[in-house]
Amino acid sequence: MTSGHRWWIDPREYARHEERRGRRFAFESLTPSRTALVVIDMVPFFVTANPHGRAIVPNIARLAAALRPAGGTVAWVLPAPGERLPAREEFFGPRVYEIHRACGGEGPPADRLWPGLTPHPADILAEKTAPSAFFPGRGPLPGLLDARGIDTVLITGTITNVCCESSARDAATLGYRTVMVADANAARTDAEHNATLHTFYRSFGDVRPTDDLLALLHPAGR
């Protein structure tokens, strides 16, 4: 059984941006060849026990299926153990720290994704050693995207208010046009999910549902 988030943006936030910049959304169009769908941490550790995580699988698959033939990029990002960080071990405690260090699973990255999410040969598979996939020195993703001329990223995956939010904020800081996909990110509760969407829309980038983005990737008449 799966359950999607009841996501929500306060209408006052929409009105605030409409008054400030004259439109609701910062990024009103997408160039598919310069757009990447970034899928964060869709591995069994984060998805198995979370019905919200299972619920976003179809939307991630829909976006990937639409973006590839339009010339865009799909990037799958998985956790890697990385170097030991004493401060993080102190924060989590030794037992939980080791659990988190192993959360990405073992084996080839493509085999560690949640079943039903299948990378294609032209997709990017990248690991990260920090919550953010875009933090300098913690993973190859920014360089791989830059090599393909990507200027827009659609952030999806788990968990909305941890690795997805960290990645989205850092992507925006690096200058990418950044969109968090409202119904293709998953947290543990609606409250946690919506708190992140509120903050991100207010201060960093756009928040839009899958159907909106599919319409931007395939405008009417094209």
C-alpha atoms as a PDB file:
ATOM      1  CA  MET A   1       0.000   0.000   0.000  1.00  0.00           C
ATOM      2  CA  THR A   2       1.321   3.435  -0.884  1.00  0.00           C
ATOM      3  CA  SER A   3       0.300   6.893   0.206  1.00  0.00           C
ATOM      4  CA  GLY A   4       1.270  10.184  -1.389  1.00  0.00           C
ATOM      5  CA  HIS A   5       1.867  13.362   0.542  1.00  0.00           C
ATOM      6  CA  ARG A   6      -0.856  15.981   0.815  1.00  0.00           C
ATOM      7  CA  TRP A   7       1.499  18.710  -0.272  1.00  0.00           C
ATOM      8  CA  TRP A   8       0.611  22.363   0.111  1.00  0.00           C
ATOM      9  CA  ILE A   9       2.078  25.818  -0.463  1.00  0.00           C
ATOM     10  CA  ASP A  10       0.495  28.652   1.479  1.00  0.00           C
ATOM     11  CA  PRO A  11      -1.369  30.904  -0.990  1.00  0.00           C
ATOM     12  CA  ARG A  12       0.271  33.870   0.720  1.00  0.00           C
ATOM     13  CA  GLU A  13       3.624  32.649  -0.580  1.00  0.00           C
ATOM     14  CA  TYR A  14       2.302  32.472  -4.117  1.00  0.00           C
ATOM     15  CA  ALA A  15       0.900  35.990  -3.739  1.00  0.00           C
ATOM     16  CA  ARG A  16       4.187  37.255  -2.333  1.00  0.00           C
ATOM     17  CA  HIS A  17       6.155  36.103  -5.382  1.00  0.00           C
ATOM     18  CA  GLU A  18       3.479  37.256  -7.804  1.00  0.00           C
ATOM     19  CA  GLU A  19       3.703  40.728  -6.343  1.00  0.00           C
ATOM     20  CA  ARG A  20       7.487  40.748  -6.218  1.00  0.00           C
ATOM     21  CA  ARG A  21       8.391  39.359  -9.640  1.00  0.00           C
ATOM     22  CA  GLY A  22       5.096  39.495 -11.495  1.00  0.00           C
ATOM     23  CA  ARG A  23       4.599  35.732 -11.819  1.00  0.00           C
ATOM     24  CA  ARG A  24       4.028  32.747  -9.584  1.00  0.00           C
ATOM     25  CA  PHE A  25       6.963  30.625 -10.731  1.00  0.00           C
ATOM     26  CA  ALA A  26      10.525  31.708 -11.308  1.00  0.00           C
ATOM     27  CA  PHE A  27      11.146  29.202 -14.105  1.00  0.00           C
ATOM     28  CA  GLU A  28       8.267  29.265 -16.568  1.00  0.00           C
ATOM     29  CA  SER A  29       9.885  27.100 -19.235  1.00  0.00           C
ATOM     30  CA  LEU A  30      12.255  24.157 -19.498  1.00  0.00           C
ATOM     31  CA  THR A  31      14.796  23.389 -22.195  1.00  0.00           C
ATOM     32  CA  PRO A  32      14.848  19.581 -22.062  1.00  0.00           C
ATOM     33  CA  SER A  33      18.425  19.227 -23.318  1.00  0.00           C
ATOM     34  CA  ARG A  34      19.621  21.440 -20.464  1.00  0.00           C
ATOM     35  CA  THR A  35      17.456  19.799 -17.805  1.00  0.00           C
ATOM     36  CA  ALA A  36      18.341  16.948 -15.456  1.00  0.00           C
ATOM     37  CA  LEU A  37      16.049  14.859 -13.308  1.00  0.00           C
ATOM     38  CA  VAL A  38      18.074  14.247 -10.139  1.00  0.00           C
ATOM     39  CA  VAL A  39      16.845  11.254  -8.137  1.00  0.00           C
ATOM     40  CA  ILE A  40      18.176  11.224  -4.574  1.00  0.00           C
ATOM     41  CA  ASP A  41      18.606   8.106  -2.402  1.00  0.00           C
ATOM     42  CA  MET A  42      15.843   5.904  -3.800  1.00  0.00           C
ATOM     43  CA  VAL A  43      17.309   2.843  -2.106  1.00  0.00           C
ATOM     44  CA  PRO A  44      15.592   0.212   0.074  1.00  0.00           C
ATOM     45  CA  PHE A  45      16.913   1.712   3.322  1.00  0.00           C
ATOM     46  CA  PHE A  46      14.828   4.860   2.789  1.00  0.00           C
ATOM     47  CA  VAL A  47      11.898   3.452   0.805  1.00  0.00           C
ATOM     48  CA  THR A  48      10.968   0.093   2.306  1.00  0.00           C
ATOM     49  CA  ALA A  49       9.301   1.321   5.487  1.00  0.00           C
ATOM     50  CA  ASN A  50       7.982   4.592   4.098  1.00  0.00           C
ATOM     51  CA  PRO A  51       4.694   4.487   2.149  1.00  0.00           C
ATOM     52  CA  HIS A  52       5.334   8.052   0.951  1.00  0.00           C
ATOM     53  CA  GLY A  53       8.628   6.857  -0.553  1.00  0.00           C
ATOM     54  CA  ARG A  54       6.919   4.055  -2.427  1.00  0.00           C
ATOM     55  CA  ALA A  55       4.223   6.421  -3.645  1.00  0.00           C
ATOM     56  CA  ILE A  56       6.663   8.635  -5.550  1.00  0.00           C
ATOM     57  CA  VAL A  57       8.131   5.822  -7.659  1.00  0.00           C
ATOM     58  CA  PRO A  58       5.578   6.203 -10.504  1.00  0.00           C
ATOM     59  CA  ASN A  59       6.103   9.965 -10.753  1.00  0.00           C
ATOM     60  CA  ILE A  60       9.875   9.603 -10.874  1.00  0.00           C
ATOM     61  CA  ALA A  61       9.467   6.997 -13.611  1.00  0.00           C
ATOM     62  CA  ARG A  62       7.077   9.270 -15.556  1.00  0.00           C
ATOM     63  CA  LEU A  63       9.500  12.178 -15.446  1.00  0.00           C
ATOM     64  CA  ALA A  64      12.428  10.011 -16.504  1.00  0.00           C
ATOM     65  CA  ALA A  65      10.443   8.518 -19.384  1.00  0.00           C
ATOM     66  CA  ALA A  66       9.469  11.977 -20.621  1.00  0.00           C
ATOM     67  CA  LEU A  67      12.855  13.625 -20.209  1.00  0.00           C
ATOM     68  CA  ARG A  68      15.078  11.041 -21.909  1.00  0.00           C
ATOM     69  CA  PRO A  69      13.530  11.147 -25.398  1.00  0.00           C
ATOM     70  CA  ALA A  70      13.359  14.951 -25.190  1.00  0.00           C
ATOM     71  CA  GLY A  71      17.154  15.030 -24.886  1.00  0.00           C
ATOM     72  CA  GLY A  72      17.437  15.549 -21.138  1.00  0.00           C
ATOM     73  CA  THR A  73      19.455  13.766 -18.479  1.00  0.00           C
ATOM     74  CA  VAL A  74      18.416  11.433 -15.668  1.00  0.00           C
ATOM     75  CA  ALA A  75      20.835  11.241 -12.743  1.00  0.00           C
ATOM     76  CA  TRP A  76      20.529   8.603 -10.027  1.00  0.00           C
ATOM     77  CA  VAL A  77      22.352   9.520  -6.828  1.00  0.00           C
ATOM     78  CA  LEU A  78      23.050   7.000  -4.082  1.00  0.00           C
ATOM     79  CA  PRO A  79      24.696   7.242  -0.652  1.00  0.00           C
ATOM     80  CA  ALA A  80      28.284   6.021  -0.325  1.00  0.00           C
ATOM     81  CA  PRO A  81      30.118   5.384   2.972  1.00  0.00           C
ATOM     82  CA  GLY A  82      32.941   7.876   2.378  1.00  0.00           C
ATOM     83  CA  GLU A  83      35.537   8.801   4.949  1.00  0.00           C
ATOM     84  CA  ARG A  84      34.829   8.521   8.642  1.00  0.00           C
ATOM     85  CA  LEU A  85      33.820  11.863  10.154  1.00  0.00           C
ATOM     86  CA  PRO A  86      34.270  11.966  13.934  1.00  0.00           C
ATOM     87  CA  ALA A  87      31.811  14.828  14.381  1.00  0.00           C
ATOM     88  CA  ARG A  88      29.076  12.902  12.567  1.00  0.00           C
ATOM     89  CA  GLU A  89      29.800   9.780  14.601  1.00  0.00           C
ATOM     90  CA  GLU A  90      29.582  11.863  17.765  1.00  0.00           C
ATOM     91  CA  PHE A  91      26.260  13.281  16.567  1.00  0.00           C
ATOM     92  CA  PHE A  92      24.618   9.959  15.685  1.00  0.00           C
ATOM     93  CA  GLY A  93      26.367   7.669  18.137  1.00  0.00           C
ATOM     94  CA  PRO A  94      28.553   4.770  16.914  1.00  0.00           C
ATOM     95  CA  ARG A  95      25.775   2.233  16.268  1.00  0.00           C
ATOM     96  CA  VAL A  96      23.460   4.519  14.282  1.00  0.00           C
ATOM     97  CA  TYR A  97      26.415   6.081  12.485  1.00  0.00           C
ATOM     98  CA  GLU A  98      27.436   2.686  11.106  1.00  0.00           C
ATOM     99  CA  ILE A  99      23.858   2.012  10.003  1.00  0.00           C
ATOM    100  CA  HIS A 100      23.779   5.286   8.094  1.00  0.00           C
ATOM    101  CA  ARG A 101      27.203   4.668   6.567  1.00  0.00           C
ATOM    102  CA  ALA A 102      25.881   1.420   5.088  1.00  0.00           C
ATOM    103  CA  CYS A 103      22.453   2.748   4.050  1.00  0.00           C
ATOM    104  CA  GLY A 104      23.275   2.814   0.347  1.00  0.00           C
ATOM    105  CA  GLY A 105      23.700  -0.945   0.195  1.00  0.00           C
ATOM    106  CA  GLU A 106      26.386  -3.002  -1.530  1.00  0.00           C
ATOM    107  CA  GLY A 107      27.129  -3.866  -5.134  1.00  0.00           C
ATOM    108  CA  PRO A 108      26.865  -1.887  -8.388  1.00  0.00           C
ATOM    109  CA  PRO A 109      24.849   1.322  -8.014  1.00  0.00           C
ATOM    110  CA  ALA A 110      22.224   0.294 -10.573  1.00  0.00           C
ATOM    111  CA  ASP A 111      21.471  -2.854  -8.556  1.00  0.00           C
ATOM    112  CA  ARG A 112      20.977  -0.896  -5.342  1.00  0.00           C
ATOM    113  CA  LEU A 113      18.077   1.248  -6.533  1.00  0.00           C
ATOM    114  CA  TRP A 114      14.520   0.552  -5.454  1.00  0.00           C
ATOM    115  CA  PRO A 115      12.929  -2.117  -7.678  1.00  0.00           C
ATOM    116  CA  GLY A 116      11.015  -0.569 -10.542  1.00  0.00           C
ATOM    117  CA  LEU A 117      13.528   2.213 -11.062  1.00  0.00           C
ATOM    118  CA  THR A 118      15.761   1.109 -13.897  1.00  0.00           C
ATOM    119  CA  PRO A 119      18.643   3.264 -15.181  1.00  0.00           C
ATOM    120  CA  HIS A 120      19.180   3.521 -18.922  1.00  0.00           C
ATOM    121  CA  PRO A 121      22.660   3.375 -20.473  1.00  0.00           C
ATOM    122  CA  ALA A 122      22.835   7.153 -21.022  1.00  0.00           C
ATOM    123  CA  ASP A 123      21.762   7.971 -17.465  1.00  0.00           C
ATOM    124  CA  ILE A 124      24.184   9.207 -14.824  1.00  0.00           C
ATOM    125  CA  LEU A 125      24.862   7.032 -11.776  1.00  0.00           C
ATOM    126  CA  ALA A 126      26.681   8.903  -9.021  1.00  0.00           C
ATOM    127  CA  GLU A 127      27.427   8.437  -5.351  1.00  0.00           C
ATOM    128  CA  LYS A 128      27.658  11.070  -2.642  1.00  0.00           C
ATOM    129  CA  THR A 129      29.337  11.090   0.745  1.00  0.00           C
ATOM    130  CA  ALA A 130      27.248  13.869   2.279  1.00  0.00           C
ATOM    131  CA  PRO A 131      23.536  14.610   2.522  1.00  0.00           C
ATOM    132  CA  SER A 132      23.834  16.962  -0.468  1.00  0.00           C
ATOM    133  CA  ALA A 133      24.608  15.636  -3.931  1.00  0.00           C
ATOM    134  CA  PHE A 134      25.927  19.098  -4.851  1.00  0.00           C
ATOM    135  CA  PHE A 135      28.229  19.861  -1.934  1.00  0.00           C
ATOM    136  CA  PRO A 136      31.758  20.491  -3.270  1.00  0.00           C
ATOM    137  CA  GLY A 137      34.090  17.546  -2.842  1.00  0.00           C
ATOM    138  CA  ARG A 138      31.386  15.114  -1.736  1.00  0.00           C
ATOM    139  CA  GLY A 139      30.431  13.647  -5.088  1.00  0.00           C
ATOM    140  CA  PRO A 140      30.914  13.962  -8.863  1.00  0.00           C
ATOM    141  CA  LEU A 141      27.396  15.029  -9.820  1.00  0.00           C
ATOM    142  CA  PRO A 142      27.934  18.764 -10.477  1.00  0.00           C
ATOM    143  CA  GLY A 143      30.850  18.081 -12.802  1.00  0.00           C
ATOM    144  CA  LEU A 144      28.927  15.397 -14.665  1.00  0.00           C
ATOM    145  CA  LEU A 145      25.956  17.718 -15.140  1.00  0.00           C
ATOM    146  CA  ASP A 146      28.125  20.636 -16.213  1.00  0.00           C
ATOM    147  CA  ALA A 147      29.791  18.435 -18.829  1.00  0.00           C
ATOM    148  CA  ARG A 148      26.360  17.929 -20.398  1.00  0.00           C
ATOM    149  CA  GLY A 149      25.466  21.617 -20.344  1.00  0.00           C
ATOM    150  CA  ILE A 150      22.786  21.227 -17.664  1.00  0.00           C
ATOM    151  CA  ASP A 151      21.457  24.457 -16.156  1.00  0.00           C
ATOM    152  CA  THR A 152      18.165  23.193 -14.643  1.00  0.00           C
ATOM    153  CA  VAL A 153      17.659  20.419 -12.103  1.00  0.00           C
ATOM    154  CA  LEU A 154      14.440  18.736 -10.979  1.00  0.00           C
ATOM    155  CA  ILE A 155      15.011  17.340  -7.485  1.00  0.00           C
ATOM    156  CA  THR A 156      13.195  14.141  -6.492  1.00  0.00           C
ATOM    157  CA  GLY A 157      13.686  11.298  -4.034  1.00  0.00           C
ATOM    158  CA  THR A 158      14.110  10.767  -0.309  1.00  0.00           C
ATOM    159  CA  ILE A 159      14.115  12.238   2.209  1.00  0.00           C
ATOM    160  CA  THR A 160      12.485  15.568   1.363  1.00  0.00           C
ATOM    161  CA  ASN A 161      13.711  17.466   4.403  1.00  0.00           C
ATOM    162  CA  VAL A 162      17.208  15.961   4.616  1.00  0.00           C
ATOM    163  CA  CYS A 163      19.135  14.889   1.517  1.00  0.00           C
ATOM    164  CA  CYS A 164      16.669  16.290  -1.035  1.00  0.00           C
ATOM    165  CA  GLU A 165      16.480  19.682   0.645  1.00  0.00           C
ATOM    166  CA  SER A 166      20.261  19.778   1.161  1.00  0.00           C
ATOM    167  CA  SER A 167      20.820  18.934  -2.501  1.00  0.00           C
ATOM    168  CA  ALA A 168      18.254  21.440  -3.745  1.00  0.00           C
ATOM    169  CA  ARG A 169      19.644  24.296  -1.668  1.00  0.00           C
ATOM    170  CA  ASP A 170      23.212  23.602  -2.770  1.00  0.00           C
ATOM    171  CA  ALA A 171      22.145  23.299  -6.405  1.00  0.00           C
ATOM    172  CA  ALA A 172      20.482  26.706  -6.182  1.00  0.00           C
ATOM    173  CA  THR A 173      23.587  28.135  -4.499  1.00  0.00           C
ATOM    174  CA  LEU A 174      25.716  26.826  -7.367  1.00  0.00           C
ATOM    175  CA  GLY A 175      23.491  28.660  -9.843  1.00  0.00           C
ATOM    176  CA  TYR A 176      21.260  25.913 -11.203  1.00  0.00           C
ATOM    177  CA  ARG A 177      17.617  26.684 -11.938  1.00  0.00           C
ATOM    178  CA  THR A 178      16.247  24.364  -9.270  1.00  0.00           C
ATOM    179  CA  VAL A 179      12.794  22.841  -8.890  1.00  0.00           C
ATOM    180  CA  MET A 180      11.688  20.513  -6.094  1.00  0.00           C
ATOM    181  CA  VAL A 181       9.026  18.177  -7.469  1.00  0.00           C
ATOM    182  CA  ALA A 182       6.222  18.343  -4.914  1.00  0.00           C
ATOM    183  CA  ASP A 183       4.809  14.868  -5.533  1.00  0.00           C
ATOM    184  CA  ALA A 184       8.104  13.124  -6.309  1.00  0.00           C
ATOM    185  CA  ASN A 185       9.849  13.821  -3.003  1.00  0.00           C
ATOM    186  CA  ALA A 186       9.031  11.892   0.149  1.00  0.00           C
ATOM    187  CA  ALA A 187       9.496  12.524   3.853  1.00  0.00           C
ATOM    188  CA  ARG A 188       8.130  10.676   6.871  1.00  0.00           C
ATOM    189  CA  THR A 189       5.199  13.032   7.437  1.00  0.00           C
ATOM    190  CA  ASP A 190       3.232  15.640   5.510  1.00  0.00           C
ATOM    191  CA  ALA A 191       4.327  18.278   8.023  1.00  0.00           C
ATOM    192  CA  GLU A 192       8.027  17.651   7.418  1.00  0.00           C
ATOM    193  CA  HIS A 193       7.519  17.495   3.662  1.00  0.00           C
ATOM    194  CA  ASN A 194       5.532  20.721   3.479  1.00  0.00           C
ATOM    195  CA  ALA A 195       7.874  22.652   5.759  1.00  0.00           C
ATOM    196  CA  THR A 196      10.677  22.010   3.291  1.00  0.00           C
ATOM    197  CA  LEU A 197       8.543  22.893   0.266  1.00  0.00           C
ATOM    198  CA  HIS A 198       7.495  26.158   1.948  1.00  0.00           C
ATOM    199  CA  THR A 199      11.057  27.225   2.698  1.00  0.00           C
ATOM    200  CA  PHE A 200      12.408  26.199  -0.678  1.00  0.00           C
ATOM    201  CA  TYR A 201       9.703  27.955  -2.660  1.00  0.00           C
ATOM    202  CA  ARG A 202      10.028  31.069  -0.520  1.00  0.00           C
ATOM    203  CA  SER A 203      13.788  31.480  -0.753  1.00  0.00           C
ATOM    204  CA  PHE A 204      15.553  29.174  -3.227  1.00  0.00           C
ATOM    205  CA  GLY A 205      13.615  27.933  -6.268  1.00  0.00           C
ATOM    206  CA  ASP A 206      10.352  26.536  -7.540  1.00  0.00           C
ATOM    207  CA  VAL A 207       8.075  23.805  -6.238  1.00  0.00           C
ATOM    208  CA  ARG A 208       5.867  22.147  -8.846  1.00  0.00           C
ATOM    209  CA  PRO A 209       4.044  18.820  -9.266  1.00  0.00           C
ATOM    210  CA  THR A 210       4.907  16.184 -11.836  1.00  0.00           C
ATOM    211  CA  ASP A 211       2.059  17.040 -14.201  1.00  0.00           C
ATOM    212  CA  ASP A 212       3.160  20.682 -14.414  1.00  0.00           C
ATOM    213  CA  LEU A 213       6.685  19.663 -15.327  1.00  0.00           C
ATOM    214  CA  LEU A 214       5.542  17.147 -17.911  1.00  0.00           C
ATOM    215  CA  ALA A 215       3.530  19.932 -19.549  1.00  0.00           C
ATOM    216  CA  LEU A 216       6.617  22.160 -19.610  1.00  0.00           C
ATOM    217  CA  LEU A 217       8.691  19.372 -21.164  1.00  0.00           C
ATOM    218  CA  HIS A 218       6.059  18.834 -23.877  1.00  0.00           C
ATOM    219  CA  PRO A 219       4.271  22.148 -24.459  1.00  0.00           C
ATOM    220  CA  ALA A 220       1.044  22.018 -26.463  1.00  0.00           C
ATOM    221  CA  GLY A 221       1.674  22.167 -30.170  1.00  0.00           C
ATOM    222  CA  ARG A 222       5.219  20.849 -29.991  1.00  0.00           C
END
